[in-house]
Protein backbone atom coordinates (compact mmCIF):
# COMPACT_ATOMS: atom_id res chain seq x y z
CA MET A 1 -58.34 -44.83 -40.31
CA SER A 2 -55.15 -46.78 -39.86
CA VAL A 3 -52.45 -44.57 -38.32
CA ILE A 4 -49.99 -47.48 -38.52
CA LEU A 5 -50.68 -47.91 -42.22
CA ILE A 6 -50.23 -44.21 -42.91
CA ALA A 7 -46.91 -44.21 -41.09
CA ALA A 8 -45.72 -47.35 -42.87
CA LEU A 9 -46.37 -45.87 -46.27
CA GLY A 10 -44.56 -42.68 -45.35
CA VAL A 11 -47.63 -40.46 -45.69
CA SER A 12 -47.92 -37.53 -43.27
CA LEU A 13 -51.54 -36.65 -42.43
CA ALA A 14 -52.84 -34.23 -39.82
CA ALA A 15 -54.88 -35.66 -36.99
CA ASN A 16 -58.09 -33.68 -37.52
CA GLN A 17 -60.18 -36.42 -39.12
CA PRO A 18 -63.96 -36.88 -39.21
CA ALA A 19 -65.34 -38.63 -36.16
CA ALA A 20 -66.14 -42.31 -36.54
CA ALA A 21 -69.80 -43.24 -36.57
CA GLY A 22 -71.50 -46.37 -35.35
CA SER A 23 -71.90 -48.70 -38.33
CA PHE A 24 -69.17 -50.03 -40.61
CA ILE A 25 -70.31 -47.89 -43.53
CA GLU A 26 -70.50 -44.79 -41.34
CA LYS A 27 -67.02 -45.45 -39.94
CA ARG A 28 -65.53 -45.67 -43.41
CA THR A 29 -67.42 -42.81 -45.05
CA GLY A 30 -68.67 -40.55 -42.26
CA MET A 31 -72.05 -40.80 -43.99
CA GLU A 32 -75.17 -42.38 -42.58
CA ALA A 33 -75.91 -45.66 -44.34
CA PRO A 34 -79.38 -46.03 -45.82
CA ALA A 35 -81.53 -48.98 -44.83
CA LEU A 36 -80.40 -51.83 -47.06
CA LYS A 37 -82.84 -53.93 -49.00
CA PRO A 38 -81.94 -57.63 -48.66
CA ASP A 39 -82.01 -58.03 -52.44
CA ASP A 40 -80.06 -54.88 -53.36
CA PRO A 41 -77.06 -56.19 -55.32
CA VAL A 42 -75.35 -52.80 -55.63
CA GLU A 43 -75.29 -52.21 -51.87
CA LYS A 44 -74.12 -55.77 -51.27
CA GLU A 45 -71.29 -55.22 -53.73
CA PHE A 46 -70.40 -51.92 -52.08
CA ARG A 47 -70.28 -53.50 -48.64
CA ALA A 48 -68.10 -56.31 -49.99
CA VAL A 49 -65.59 -53.78 -51.33
CA MET A 50 -65.40 -51.98 -48.00
CA GLU A 51 -65.05 -55.24 -46.11
CA MET A 52 -62.16 -56.14 -48.43
CA ASP A 53 -60.62 -52.76 -47.63
CA ASP A 54 -61.06 -53.23 -43.88
CA ALA A 55 -59.64 -56.77 -43.95
CA ALA A 56 -56.58 -55.63 -45.90
CA GLN A 57 -55.85 -52.77 -43.52
CA GLU A 58 -56.29 -54.97 -40.45
CA GLU A 59 -53.88 -57.53 -41.93
CA ILE A 60 -51.36 -54.82 -42.77
CA ASP A 61 -51.60 -53.40 -39.26
CA ARG A 62 -50.75 -56.87 -37.91
CA TRP A 63 -47.80 -57.18 -40.27
CA ILE A 64 -46.41 -53.86 -39.16
CA THR A 65 -46.95 -54.52 -35.47
CA ASP A 66 -45.32 -57.94 -35.75
CA ASN A 67 -42.42 -56.57 -37.77
CA GLU A 68 -41.78 -53.86 -35.20
CA ARG A 69 -41.68 -56.53 -32.50
CA PHE A 70 -39.32 -58.67 -34.57
CA ALA A 71 -37.16 -55.65 -35.38
CA SER A 72 -36.70 -54.98 -31.67
CA LYS A 73 -35.08 -58.42 -31.55
CA GLY A 74 -33.01 -57.87 -34.68
CA ALA A 75 -35.22 -59.94 -37.00
CA GLY A 76 -37.50 -57.45 -38.76
CA VAL A 77 -37.66 -56.95 -42.53
CA PRO A 78 -36.35 -53.65 -43.99
CA ARG A 79 -38.79 -50.77 -44.36
CA ASP A 80 -38.63 -50.76 -48.18
CA GLN A 81 -39.43 -54.47 -48.28
CA MET A 82 -42.39 -54.01 -45.94
CA ARG A 83 -43.65 -51.08 -48.00
CA ALA A 84 -43.54 -53.17 -51.18
CA LYS A 85 -45.45 -55.97 -49.44
CA ILE A 86 -48.10 -53.52 -48.25
CA LEU A 87 -48.54 -52.00 -51.69
CA ARG A 88 -49.02 -55.46 -53.22
CA ARG A 89 -51.65 -56.25 -50.58
CA LEU A 90 -53.52 -53.04 -51.40
CA GLU A 91 -53.60 -53.56 -55.16
CA PRO A 92 -56.77 -55.71 -55.23
CA VAL A 93 -58.55 -53.26 -52.94
CA THR A 94 -57.69 -50.36 -55.22
CA LYS A 95 -58.94 -52.35 -58.22
CA ALA A 96 -62.16 -53.28 -56.40
CA TYR A 97 -62.93 -49.63 -55.65
CA GLU A 98 -62.08 -48.52 -59.17
CA ASP A 99 -64.16 -51.30 -60.76
CA PHE A 100 -67.13 -50.52 -58.53
CA ILE A 101 -66.97 -46.78 -59.26
CA LYS A 102 -66.61 -47.44 -62.97
CA ALA A 103 -69.75 -49.57 -62.84
CA HIS A 104 -71.61 -47.18 -60.51
CA PRO A 105 -70.16 -43.69 -61.11
CA SER A 106 -73.03 -41.94 -59.29
CA HIS A 107 -72.56 -43.89 -56.04
CA SER A 108 -71.40 -41.04 -53.83
CA ARG A 109 -70.74 -43.16 -50.73
CA ALA A 110 -68.39 -45.38 -52.73
CA ARG A 111 -66.41 -42.31 -53.76
CA VAL A 112 -66.25 -41.13 -50.15
CA ALA A 113 -65.11 -44.57 -48.99
CA TYR A 114 -62.49 -44.66 -51.74
CA ALA A 115 -61.36 -41.20 -50.69
CA SER A 116 -60.88 -42.50 -47.15
CA PHE A 117 -58.84 -45.43 -48.49
CA LEU A 118 -56.73 -43.11 -50.64
CA GLY A 119 -56.22 -40.79 -47.69
CA ASP A 120 -54.85 -43.73 -45.71
CA THR A 121 -52.56 -44.97 -48.47
CA GLN A 122 -51.64 -42.16 -50.85
CA GLY A 123 -52.36 -38.93 -49.00
CA GLU A 124 -55.02 -36.28 -48.93
CA GLU A 125 -54.30 -34.95 -52.43
CA ALA A 126 -55.46 -38.29 -53.84
CA ALA A 127 -58.54 -38.31 -51.61
CA LEU A 128 -59.54 -34.78 -52.61
CA ALA A 129 -60.45 -35.68 -56.20
CA GLN A 130 -62.85 -38.42 -55.13
CA LEU A 131 -64.51 -36.20 -52.53
CA GLU A 132 -65.01 -33.44 -55.09
CA LYS A 133 -66.67 -35.94 -57.43
CA ALA A 134 -68.84 -37.19 -54.56
CA LEU A 135 -69.92 -33.62 -53.85
CA ALA A 136 -70.87 -33.09 -57.48
CA ILE A 137 -73.18 -36.11 -57.17
CA ASP A 138 -74.57 -35.37 -53.71
CA THR A 139 -74.59 -31.63 -53.06
CA ASN A 140 -76.67 -31.80 -49.88
CA ASN A 141 -74.63 -34.26 -47.82
CA PRO A 142 -72.98 -32.57 -44.82
CA ALA A 143 -70.41 -35.35 -44.29
CA ILE A 144 -68.88 -34.69 -47.69
CA TYR A 145 -68.53 -30.98 -46.92
CA ASN A 146 -66.97 -31.84 -43.55
CA ASN A 147 -64.49 -34.29 -45.07
CA LEU A 148 -63.52 -31.80 -47.76
CA ALA A 149 -63.15 -29.07 -45.15
CA ASN A 150 -60.77 -31.29 -43.17
CA ILE A 151 -58.56 -31.67 -46.23
CA TYR A 152 -58.66 -27.98 -47.12
CA GLY A 153 -57.71 -27.23 -43.52
CA HIS A 154 -54.57 -29.32 -44.05
CA LEU A 155 -53.71 -28.49 -47.66
CA GLY A 156 -55.32 -25.08 -48.16
CA PRO A 157 -56.81 -22.80 -49.03
CA VAL A 158 -58.06 -22.65 -45.47
CA THR A 159 -60.85 -20.29 -46.50
CA ASN A 160 -62.41 -23.25 -48.33
CA ALA A 161 -62.35 -25.13 -45.03
CA PHE A 162 -64.22 -22.31 -43.32
CA ALA A 163 -66.86 -22.24 -46.06
CA PHE A 164 -67.30 -26.00 -46.18
CA TYR A 165 -67.63 -26.39 -42.40
CA MET A 166 -70.27 -23.67 -42.44
CA LYS A 167 -72.12 -25.53 -45.18
CA ALA A 168 -71.96 -28.83 -43.27
CA ILE A 169 -73.41 -27.12 -40.19
CA GLN A 170 -76.08 -25.39 -42.24
CA ILE A 171 -77.26 -28.76 -43.57
CA ASN A 172 -76.96 -30.60 -40.25
CA PRO A 173 -76.75 -28.23 -37.27
CA LEU A 174 -77.02 -31.12 -34.79
CA GLU A 175 -73.71 -32.86 -35.57
CA PRO A 176 -71.15 -31.85 -32.90
CA VAL A 177 -68.07 -33.02 -34.82
CA TYR A 178 -68.65 -30.35 -37.47
CA TYR A 179 -68.55 -27.62 -34.82
CA HIS A 180 -65.45 -29.16 -33.24
CA ASN A 181 -63.57 -29.39 -36.55
CA TYR A 182 -64.65 -25.87 -37.53
CA GLY A 183 -63.64 -24.43 -34.16
CA THR A 184 -60.26 -26.17 -34.33
CA THR A 185 -59.58 -24.72 -37.78
CA VAL A 186 -60.62 -21.21 -36.76
CA PHE A 187 -58.37 -21.45 -33.69
CA LEU A 188 -55.34 -22.80 -35.57
CA PHE A 189 -55.63 -20.36 -38.48
CA ARG A 190 -56.48 -17.25 -36.52
CA LYS A 191 -54.90 -14.77 -38.94
CA ASP A 192 -56.82 -16.26 -41.87
CA ALA A 193 -59.99 -16.23 -39.81
CA MET A 194 -59.47 -12.59 -38.86
CA GLU A 195 -59.25 -11.62 -42.52
CA TYR A 196 -62.02 -13.95 -43.74
CA PHE A 197 -64.58 -13.01 -41.09
CA GLN A 198 -63.40 -9.41 -40.63
CA LEU A 199 -62.82 -9.95 -36.90
CA ASP A 200 -60.06 -8.97 -34.51
CA GLU A 201 -58.10 -11.64 -32.65
CA PRO A 202 -60.18 -11.64 -29.44
CA GLN A 203 -63.31 -12.01 -31.57
CA VAL A 204 -61.75 -14.95 -33.42
CA PHE A 205 -60.94 -16.62 -30.09
CA ALA A 206 -64.52 -16.04 -29.01
CA LYS A 207 -65.79 -17.55 -32.26
CA ALA A 208 -63.62 -20.65 -31.86
CA PHE A 209 -64.73 -21.25 -28.29
CA SER A 210 -68.35 -20.64 -29.24
CA LEU A 211 -68.02 -23.38 -31.86
CA TYR A 212 -66.41 -25.72 -29.30
CA SER A 213 -69.34 -25.13 -26.98
CA ASN A 214 -71.60 -26.78 -29.53
């Protein structure tokens, strides 16, 4: 995700994000990409949308970096003007995601990718709706539970984060990032964890560190 873009748009997000995976699709969605068939037009269209997204965010990052350098010399454009320029650049990406999802409403990875885009540009509240729709389509995908848990850990209720991390781990007990995110949330929200799990504080600490060990 683009930290520079988030900052430029004035959106404050917490740093506990899903770990990036190897491929482009995995980086954007946190979900393992299926093997693509060379003649699959839907997957080609999906990849094209995400590549448009990636290109736009890379260009915006360059704009912001350059403007900060120019501003240090007294030549940068005002923040409001830069924000307006960024929003104009993002409009076709937003439309591409919305058009794709309208045409393929059951494409869960598209909804997760769009949620990531919205999280970068509009905040986690906007991302949440797309992730919830993705979960309704694909109820056995651990990455969706993990991504939702990250948001609930930031926005609340944090008990949803606990439950969703547990579900992600239940589905895929071999993914270390789920344990790390879960342990971080238990550690940061110790009072909530004490009540939710019916543990005392030393037991909550022990639970958090046990999760980290995985």
